[in-house]
């Protein structure tokens, strides 16, 4: 299995149909017809990428490094 964000193979299983990518630090869940990607908030909760709370978040890629940055 590869990460849907970075295509990395450093994937760990955290629950039934839930996985964590150690390369880009996102959690994702597989459903019958789609994959839902989550960011881990500072308090440990999961925030879906299509969540309106993430409107100001962009993905930046540079030098083989993938990170999320909040744009203010």
PDB file of N, CA and C in Angstrom:
ATOM      1  N   UNK A   1       0.840  -1.177   0.000  1.00  0.00           N
ATOM      2  CA  UNK A   1       0.000   0.000   0.000  1.00  0.00           C
ATOM      3  C   UNK A   1       0.881   1.235   0.000  1.00  0.00           C
ATOM      4  N   UNK A   2       0.482   2.225  -0.768  1.00  0.00           N
ATOM      5  CA  UNK A   2       1.195   3.495  -0.837  1.00  0.00           C
ATOM      6  C   UNK A   2       0.328   4.614  -0.280  1.00  0.00           C
ATOM      7  N   UNK A   3       0.969   5.648   0.232  1.00  0.00           N
ATOM      8  CA  UNK A   3       0.264   6.814   0.752  1.00  0.00           C
ATOM      9  C   UNK A   3      -0.399   7.562  -0.409  1.00  0.00           C
ATOM     10  N   UNK A   4      -1.664   7.975  -0.250  1.00  0.00           N
ATOM     11  CA  UNK A   4      -2.336   8.717  -1.319  1.00  0.00           C
ATOM     12  C   UNK A   4      -1.819  10.145  -1.481  1.00  0.00           C
ATOM     13  N   UNK A   5      -1.031  10.638  -0.520  1.00  0.00           N
ATOM     14  CA  UNK A   5      -0.507  12.006  -0.585  1.00  0.00           C
ATOM     15  C   UNK A   5       0.888  12.040  -1.199  1.00  0.00           C
ATOM     16  N   UNK A   6       1.813  11.239  -0.629  1.00  0.00           N
ATOM     17  CA  UNK A   6       3.212  11.316  -1.067  1.00  0.00           C
ATOM     18  C   UNK A   6       3.685  10.061  -1.795  1.00  0.00           C
ATOM     19  N   UNK A   7       2.829   9.057  -1.899  1.00  0.00           N
ATOM     20  CA  UNK A   7       3.154   7.775  -2.529  1.00  0.00           C
ATOM     21  C   UNK A   7       4.223   6.990  -1.779  1.00  0.00           C
ATOM     22  N   UNK A   8       4.490   7.387  -0.535  1.00  0.00           N
ATOM     23  CA  UNK A   8       5.471   6.673   0.280  1.00  0.00           C
ATOM     24  C   UNK A   8       4.940   5.317   0.716  1.00  0.00           C
ATOM     25  N   UNK A   9       5.868   4.451   1.143  1.00  0.00           N
ATOM     26  CA  UNK A   9       5.472   3.103   1.559  1.00  0.00           C
ATOM     27  C   UNK A   9       5.612   2.894   3.059  1.00  0.00           C
ATOM     28  N   UNK A  10       5.961   3.946   3.802  1.00  0.00           N
ATOM     29  CA  UNK A  10       6.107   3.835   5.259  1.00  0.00           C
ATOM     30  C   UNK A  10       4.730   4.017   5.907  1.00  0.00           C
ATOM     31  N   UNK A  11       3.879   3.008   5.745  1.00  0.00           N
ATOM     32  CA  UNK A  11       2.491   3.069   6.190  1.00  0.00           C
ATOM     33  C   UNK A  11       2.313   2.146   7.390  1.00  0.00           C
ATOM     34  N   UNK A  12       1.621   2.658   8.406  1.00  0.00           N
ATOM     35  CA  UNK A  12       1.281   1.842   9.565  1.00  0.00           C
ATOM     36  C   UNK A  12      -0.227   1.783   9.719  1.00  0.00           C
ATOM     37  N   UNK A  13      -0.715   0.666  10.221  1.00  0.00           N
ATOM     38  CA  UNK A  13      -2.152   0.498  10.421  1.00  0.00           C
ATOM     39  C   UNK A  13      -2.505   0.951  11.831  1.00  0.00           C
ATOM     40  N   UNK A  14      -3.487   1.857  11.945  1.00  0.00           N
ATOM     41  CA  UNK A  14      -3.882   2.371  13.256  1.00  0.00           C
ATOM     42  C   UNK A  14      -5.281   1.932  13.660  1.00  0.00           C
ATOM     43  N   UNK A  15      -6.003   1.294  12.769  1.00  0.00           N
ATOM     44  CA  UNK A  15      -7.351   0.821  13.061  1.00  0.00           C
ATOM     45  C   UNK A  15      -7.889   0.080  11.855  1.00  0.00           C
ATOM     46  N   UNK A  16      -9.129  -0.344  11.947  1.00  0.00           N
ATOM     47  CA  UNK A  16      -9.760  -1.044  10.826  1.00  0.00           C
ATOM     48  C   UNK A  16      -9.958  -0.048   9.683  1.00  0.00           C
ATOM     49  N   UNK A  17      -9.240  -0.243   8.607  1.00  0.00           N
ATOM     50  CA  UNK A  17      -9.336   0.647   7.450  1.00  0.00           C
ATOM     51  C   UNK A  17      -8.701   2.008   7.659  1.00  0.00           C
ATOM     52  N   UNK A  18      -7.895   2.184   8.729  1.00  0.00           N
ATOM     53  CA  UNK A  18      -7.230   3.457   9.001  1.00  0.00           C
ATOM     54  C   UNK A  18      -5.720   3.250   9.031  1.00  0.00           C
ATOM     55  N   UNK A  19      -5.014   4.177   8.376  1.00  0.00           N
ATOM     56  CA  UNK A  19      -3.570   4.040   8.224  1.00  0.00           C
ATOM     57  C   UNK A  19      -2.888   5.374   8.494  1.00  0.00           C
ATOM     58  N   UNK A  20      -1.581   5.315   8.817  1.00  0.00           N
ATOM     59  CA  UNK A  20      -0.768   6.507   9.080  1.00  0.00           C
ATOM     60  C   UNK A  20       0.474   6.454   8.208  1.00  0.00           C
ATOM     61  N   UNK A  21       0.787   7.567   7.564  1.00  0.00           N
ATOM     62  CA  UNK A  21       1.997   7.652   6.745  1.00  0.00           C
ATOM     63  C   UNK A  21       3.091   8.335   7.557  1.00  0.00           C
ATOM     64  N   UNK A  22       4.182   7.623   7.775  1.00  0.00           N
ATOM     65  CA  UNK A  22       5.303   8.172   8.532  1.00  0.00           C
ATOM     66  C   UNK A  22       6.129   9.144   7.697  1.00  0.00           C
ATOM     67  N   UNK A  23       5.983   9.110   6.378  1.00  0.00           N
ATOM     68  CA  UNK A  23       6.745  10.011   5.520  1.00  0.00           C
ATOM     69  C   UNK A  23       6.175  11.424   5.510  1.00  0.00           C
ATOM     70  N   UNK A  24       4.835  11.551   5.410  1.00  0.00           N
ATOM     71  CA  UNK A  24       4.239  12.894   5.334  1.00  0.00           C
ATOM     72  C   UNK A  24       3.321  13.201   6.516  1.00  0.00           C
ATOM     73  N   UNK A  25       3.247  12.287   7.487  1.00  0.00           N
ATOM     74  CA  UNK A  25       2.554  12.528   8.759  1.00  0.00           C
ATOM     75  C   UNK A  25       1.070  12.836   8.602  1.00  0.00           C
ATOM     76  N   UNK A  26       0.389  12.069   7.776  1.00  0.00           N
ATOM     77  CA  UNK A  26      -1.063  12.187   7.649  1.00  0.00           C
ATOM     78  C   UNK A  26      -1.680  10.830   7.953  1.00  0.00           C
ATOM     79  N   UNK A  27      -2.915  10.873   8.374  1.00  0.00           N
ATOM     80  CA  UNK A  27      -3.672   9.650   8.580  1.00  0.00           C
ATOM     81  C   UNK A  27      -4.719   9.590   7.479  1.00  0.00           C
ATOM     82  N   UNK A  28      -5.013   8.395   7.010  1.00  0.00           N
ATOM     83  CA  UNK A  28      -6.046   8.257   5.990  1.00  0.00           C
ATOM     84  C   UNK A  28      -6.861   7.011   6.239  1.00  0.00           C
ATOM     85  N   UNK A  29      -8.103   7.090   5.806  1.00  0.00           N
ATOM     86  CA  UNK A  29      -9.040   5.986   5.988  1.00  0.00           C
ATOM     87  C   UNK A  29      -9.542   5.565   4.620  1.00  0.00           C
ATOM     88  N   UNK A  30      -9.581   4.278   4.399  1.00  0.00           N
ATOM     89  CA  UNK A  30     -10.103   3.770   3.138  1.00  0.00           C
ATOM     90  C   UNK A  30     -11.570   3.424   3.327  1.00  0.00           C
ATOM     91  N   UNK A  31     -12.374   3.865   2.383  1.00  0.00           N
ATOM     92  CA  UNK A  31     -13.783   3.530   2.363  1.00  0.00           C
ATOM     93  C   UNK A  31     -14.058   2.827   1.049  1.00  0.00           C
ATOM     94  N   UNK A  32     -15.264   2.374   0.831  1.00  0.00           N
ATOM     95  CA  UNK A  32     -15.551   1.555  -0.344  1.00  0.00           C
ATOM     96  C   UNK A  32     -15.191   2.247  -1.653  1.00  0.00           C
ATOM     97  N   UNK A  33     -15.474   3.535  -1.776  1.00  0.00           N
ATOM     98  CA  UNK A  33     -15.241   4.203  -3.056  1.00  0.00           C
ATOM     99  C   UNK A  33     -14.308   5.404  -2.961  1.00  0.00           C
ATOM    100  N   UNK A  34     -13.714   5.668  -1.791  1.00  0.00           N
ATOM    101  CA  UNK A  34     -12.817   6.823  -1.681  1.00  0.00           C
ATOM    102  C   UNK A  34     -11.860   6.665  -0.507  1.00  0.00           C
ATOM    103  N   UNK A  35     -10.897   7.577  -0.455  1.00  0.00           N
ATOM    104  CA  UNK A  35      -9.940   7.646   0.636  1.00  0.00           C
ATOM    105  C   UNK A  35     -10.094   9.019   1.280  1.00  0.00           C
ATOM    106  N   UNK A  36     -10.253   9.055   2.592  1.00  0.00           N
ATOM    107  CA  UNK A  36     -10.363  10.316   3.320  1.00  0.00           C
ATOM    108  C   UNK A  36      -9.041  10.569   4.031  1.00  0.00           C
ATOM    109  N   UNK A  37      -8.458  11.754   3.827  1.00  0.00           N
ATOM    110  CA  UNK A  37      -7.154  12.102   4.389  1.00  0.00           C
ATOM    111  C   UNK A  37      -7.369  13.052   5.562  1.00  0.00           C
ATOM    112  N   UNK A  38      -6.642  12.806   6.650  1.00  0.00           N
ATOM    113  CA  UNK A  38      -6.768  13.608   7.862  1.00  0.00           C
ATOM    114  C   UNK A  38      -5.422  14.167   8.280  1.00  0.00           C
ATOM    115  N   UNK A  39      -5.448  15.369   8.834  1.00  0.00           N
ATOM    116  CA  UNK A  39      -4.303  15.941   9.529  1.00  0.00           C
ATOM    117  C   UNK A  39      -4.491  15.700  11.009  1.00  0.00           C
ATOM    118  N   UNK A  40      -3.411  15.554  11.723  1.00  0.00           N
ATOM    119  CA  UNK A  40      -3.477  15.426  13.173  1.00  0.00           C
ATOM    120  C   UNK A  40      -3.342  16.814  13.776  1.00  0.00           C
ATOM    121  N   UNK A  41      -4.347  17.237  14.541  1.00  0.00           N
ATOM    122  CA  UNK A  41      -4.300  18.538  15.204  1.00  0.00           C
ATOM    123  C   UNK A  41      -3.386  18.448  16.426  1.00  0.00           C
ATOM    124  N   UNK A  42      -3.022  19.601  16.977  1.00  0.00           N
ATOM    125  CA  UNK A  42      -2.134  19.631  18.134  1.00  0.00           C
ATOM    126  C   UNK A  42      -2.707  18.885  19.325  1.00  0.00           C
ATOM    127  N   UNK A  43      -4.049  18.864  19.449  1.00  0.00           N
ATOM    128  CA  UNK A  43      -4.676  18.183  20.578  1.00  0.00           C
ATOM    129  C   UNK A  43      -4.878  16.689  20.318  1.00  0.00           C
ATOM    130  N   UNK A  44      -4.426  16.207  19.159  1.00  0.00           N
ATOM    131  CA  UNK A  44      -4.521  14.791  18.829  1.00  0.00           C
ATOM    132  C   UNK A  44      -5.760  14.403  18.050  1.00  0.00           C
ATOM    133  N   UNK A  45      -6.655  15.353  17.823  1.00  0.00           N
ATOM    134  CA  UNK A  45      -7.865  15.051  17.055  1.00  0.00           C
ATOM    135  C   UNK A  45      -7.547  15.028  15.560  1.00  0.00           C
ATOM    136  N   UNK A  46      -8.434  14.405  14.803  1.00  0.00           N
ATOM    137  CA  UNK A  46      -8.259  14.318  13.357  1.00  0.00           C
ATOM    138  C   UNK A  46      -9.099  15.388  12.674  1.00  0.00           C
ATOM    139  N   UNK A  47      -8.512  16.040  11.669  1.00  0.00           N
ATOM    140  CA  UNK A  47      -9.206  17.055  10.897  1.00  0.00           C
ATOM    141  C   UNK A  47      -9.133  16.635   9.433  1.00  0.00           C
ATOM    142  N   UNK A  48     -10.289  16.409   8.818  1.00  0.00           N
ATOM    143  CA  UNK A  48     -10.329  15.977   7.420  1.00  0.00           C
ATOM    144  C   UNK A  48      -9.811  17.091   6.511  1.00  0.00           C
ATOM    145  N   UNK A  49      -9.111  16.718   5.453  1.00  0.00           N
ATOM    146  CA  UNK A  49      -8.562  17.699   4.522  1.00  0.00           C
ATOM    147  C   UNK A  49      -9.637  18.496   3.810  1.00  0.00           C
ATOM    148  N   UNK A  50     -10.831  17.936   3.610  1.00  0.00           N
ATOM    149  CA  UNK A  50     -11.872  18.697   2.944  1.00  0.00           C
ATOM    150  C   UNK A  50     -12.697  19.517   3.942  1.00  0.00           C
ATOM    151  N   UNK A  51     -12.237  19.555   5.199  1.00  0.00           N
ATOM    152  CA  UNK A  51     -12.906  20.306   6.249  1.00  0.00           C
ATOM    153  C   UNK A  51     -12.730  21.809   5.999  1.00  0.00           C
ATOM    154  N   UNK A  52     -13.779  22.621   6.153  1.00  0.00           N
ATOM    155  CA  UNK A  52     -13.653  24.072   5.956  1.00  0.00           C
ATOM    156  C   UNK A  52     -12.617  24.717   6.868  1.00  0.00           C
ATOM    157  N   UNK A  53     -12.298  24.084   7.995  1.00  0.00           N
ATOM    158  CA  UNK A  53     -11.287  24.630   8.902  1.00  0.00           C
ATOM    159  C   UNK A  53      -9.902  24.637   8.262  1.00  0.00           C
ATOM    160  N   UNK A  54      -9.725  23.874   7.186  1.00  0.00           N
ATOM    161  CA  UNK A  54      -8.423  23.803   6.520  1.00  0.00           C
ATOM    162  C   UNK A  54      -8.357  24.638   5.249  1.00  0.00           C
ATOM    163  N   UNK A  55      -9.258  25.591   5.077  1.00  0.00           N
ATOM    164  CA  UNK A  55      -9.264  26.408   3.857  1.00  0.00           C
ATOM    165  C   UNK A  55      -7.953  27.147   3.648  1.00  0.00           C
ATOM    166  N   UNK A  56      -7.308  27.577   4.735  1.00  0.00           N
ATOM    167  CA  UNK A  56      -6.086  28.361   4.631  1.00  0.00           C
ATOM    168  C   UNK A  56      -4.822  27.525   4.720  1.00  0.00           C
ATOM    169  N   UNK A  57      -4.944  26.216   4.553  1.00  0.00           N
ATOM    170  CA  UNK A  57      -3.781  25.337   4.623  1.00  0.00           C
ATOM    171  C   UNK A  57      -3.362  24.940   3.222  1.00  0.00           C
ATOM    172  N   UNK A  58      -2.077  25.061   2.944  1.00  0.00           N
ATOM    173  CA  UNK A  58      -1.562  24.657   1.642  1.00  0.00           C
ATOM    174  C   UNK A  58      -0.493  23.602   1.855  1.00  0.00           C
ATOM    175  N   UNK A  59      -0.282  22.819   0.831  1.00  0.00           N
ATOM    176  CA  UNK A  59       0.724  21.774   0.860  1.00  0.00           C
ATOM    177  C   UNK A  59       1.955  22.300   0.153  1.00  0.00           C
ATOM    178  N   UNK A  60       3.107  22.215   0.806  1.00  0.00           N
ATOM    179  CA  UNK A  60       4.342  22.679   0.204  1.00  0.00           C
ATOM    180  C   UNK A  60       5.305  21.511   0.077  1.00  0.00           C
ATOM    181  N   UNK A  61       5.910  21.406  -1.102  1.00  0.00           N
ATOM    182  CA  UNK A  61       6.862  20.338  -1.352  1.00  0.00           C
ATOM    183  C   UNK A  61       8.183  20.984  -1.730  1.00  0.00           C
ATOM    184  N   UNK A  62       9.233  20.552  -1.087  1.00  0.00           N
ATOM    185  CA  UNK A  62      10.544  21.078  -1.410  1.00  0.00           C
ATOM    186  C   UNK A  62      11.635  20.152  -0.920  1.00  0.00           C
ATOM    187  N   UNK A  63      12.622  19.899  -1.747  1.00  0.00           N
ATOM    188  CA  UNK A  63      13.765  19.072  -1.400  1.00  0.00           C
ATOM    189  C   UNK A  63      13.350  17.726  -0.820  1.00  0.00           C
ATOM    190  N   UNK A  64      12.334  17.091  -1.415  1.00  0.00           N
ATOM    191  CA  UNK A  64      11.898  15.781  -0.964  1.00  0.00           C
ATOM    192  C   UNK A  64      11.143  15.815   0.351  1.00  0.00           C
ATOM    193  N   UNK A  65      10.759  17.004   0.785  1.00  0.00           N
ATOM    194  CA  UNK A  65      10.095  17.174   2.074  1.00  0.00           C
ATOM    195  C   UNK A  65       8.664  17.625   1.818  1.00  0.00           C
ATOM    196  N   UNK A  66       7.715  16.997   2.476  1.00  0.00           N
ATOM    197  CA  UNK A  66       6.315  17.345   2.311  1.00  0.00           C
ATOM    198  C   UNK A  66       5.803  17.855   3.636  1.00  0.00           C
ATOM    199  N   UNK A  67       5.223  19.059   3.631  1.00  0.00           N
ATOM    200  CA  UNK A  67       4.733  19.605   4.896  1.00  0.00           C
ATOM    201  C   UNK A  67       3.509  20.473   4.650  1.00  0.00           C
ATOM    202  N   UNK A  68       2.681  20.590   5.671  1.00  0.00           N
ATOM    203  CA  UNK A  68       1.518  21.460   5.632  1.00  0.00           C
ATOM    204  C   UNK A  68       1.876  22.774   6.312  1.00  0.00           C
ATOM    205  N   UNK A  69       1.443  23.857   5.716  1.00  0.00           N
ATOM    206  CA  UNK A  69       1.723  25.170   6.263  1.00  0.00           C
ATOM    207  C   UNK A  69       0.418  25.942   6.337  1.00  0.00           C
ATOM    208  N   UNK A  70       0.150  26.574   7.486  1.00  0.00           N
ATOM    209  CA  UNK A  70      -1.044  27.396   7.616  1.00  0.00           C
ATOM    210  C   UNK A  70      -0.713  28.789   7.118  1.00  0.00           C
ATOM    211  N   UNK A  71      -1.494  29.257   6.156  1.00  0.00           N
ATOM    212  CA  UNK A  71      -1.283  30.574   5.567  1.00  0.00           C
ATOM    213  C   UNK A  71      -2.118  31.587   6.340  1.00  0.00           C
ATOM    214  N   UNK A  72      -1.480  32.583   6.898  1.00  0.00           N
ATOM    215  CA  UNK A  72      -2.207  33.607   7.654  1.00  0.00           C
ATOM    216  C   UNK A  72      -2.101  34.941   6.995  1.00  0.00           C
TER     217      UNK A  72
END
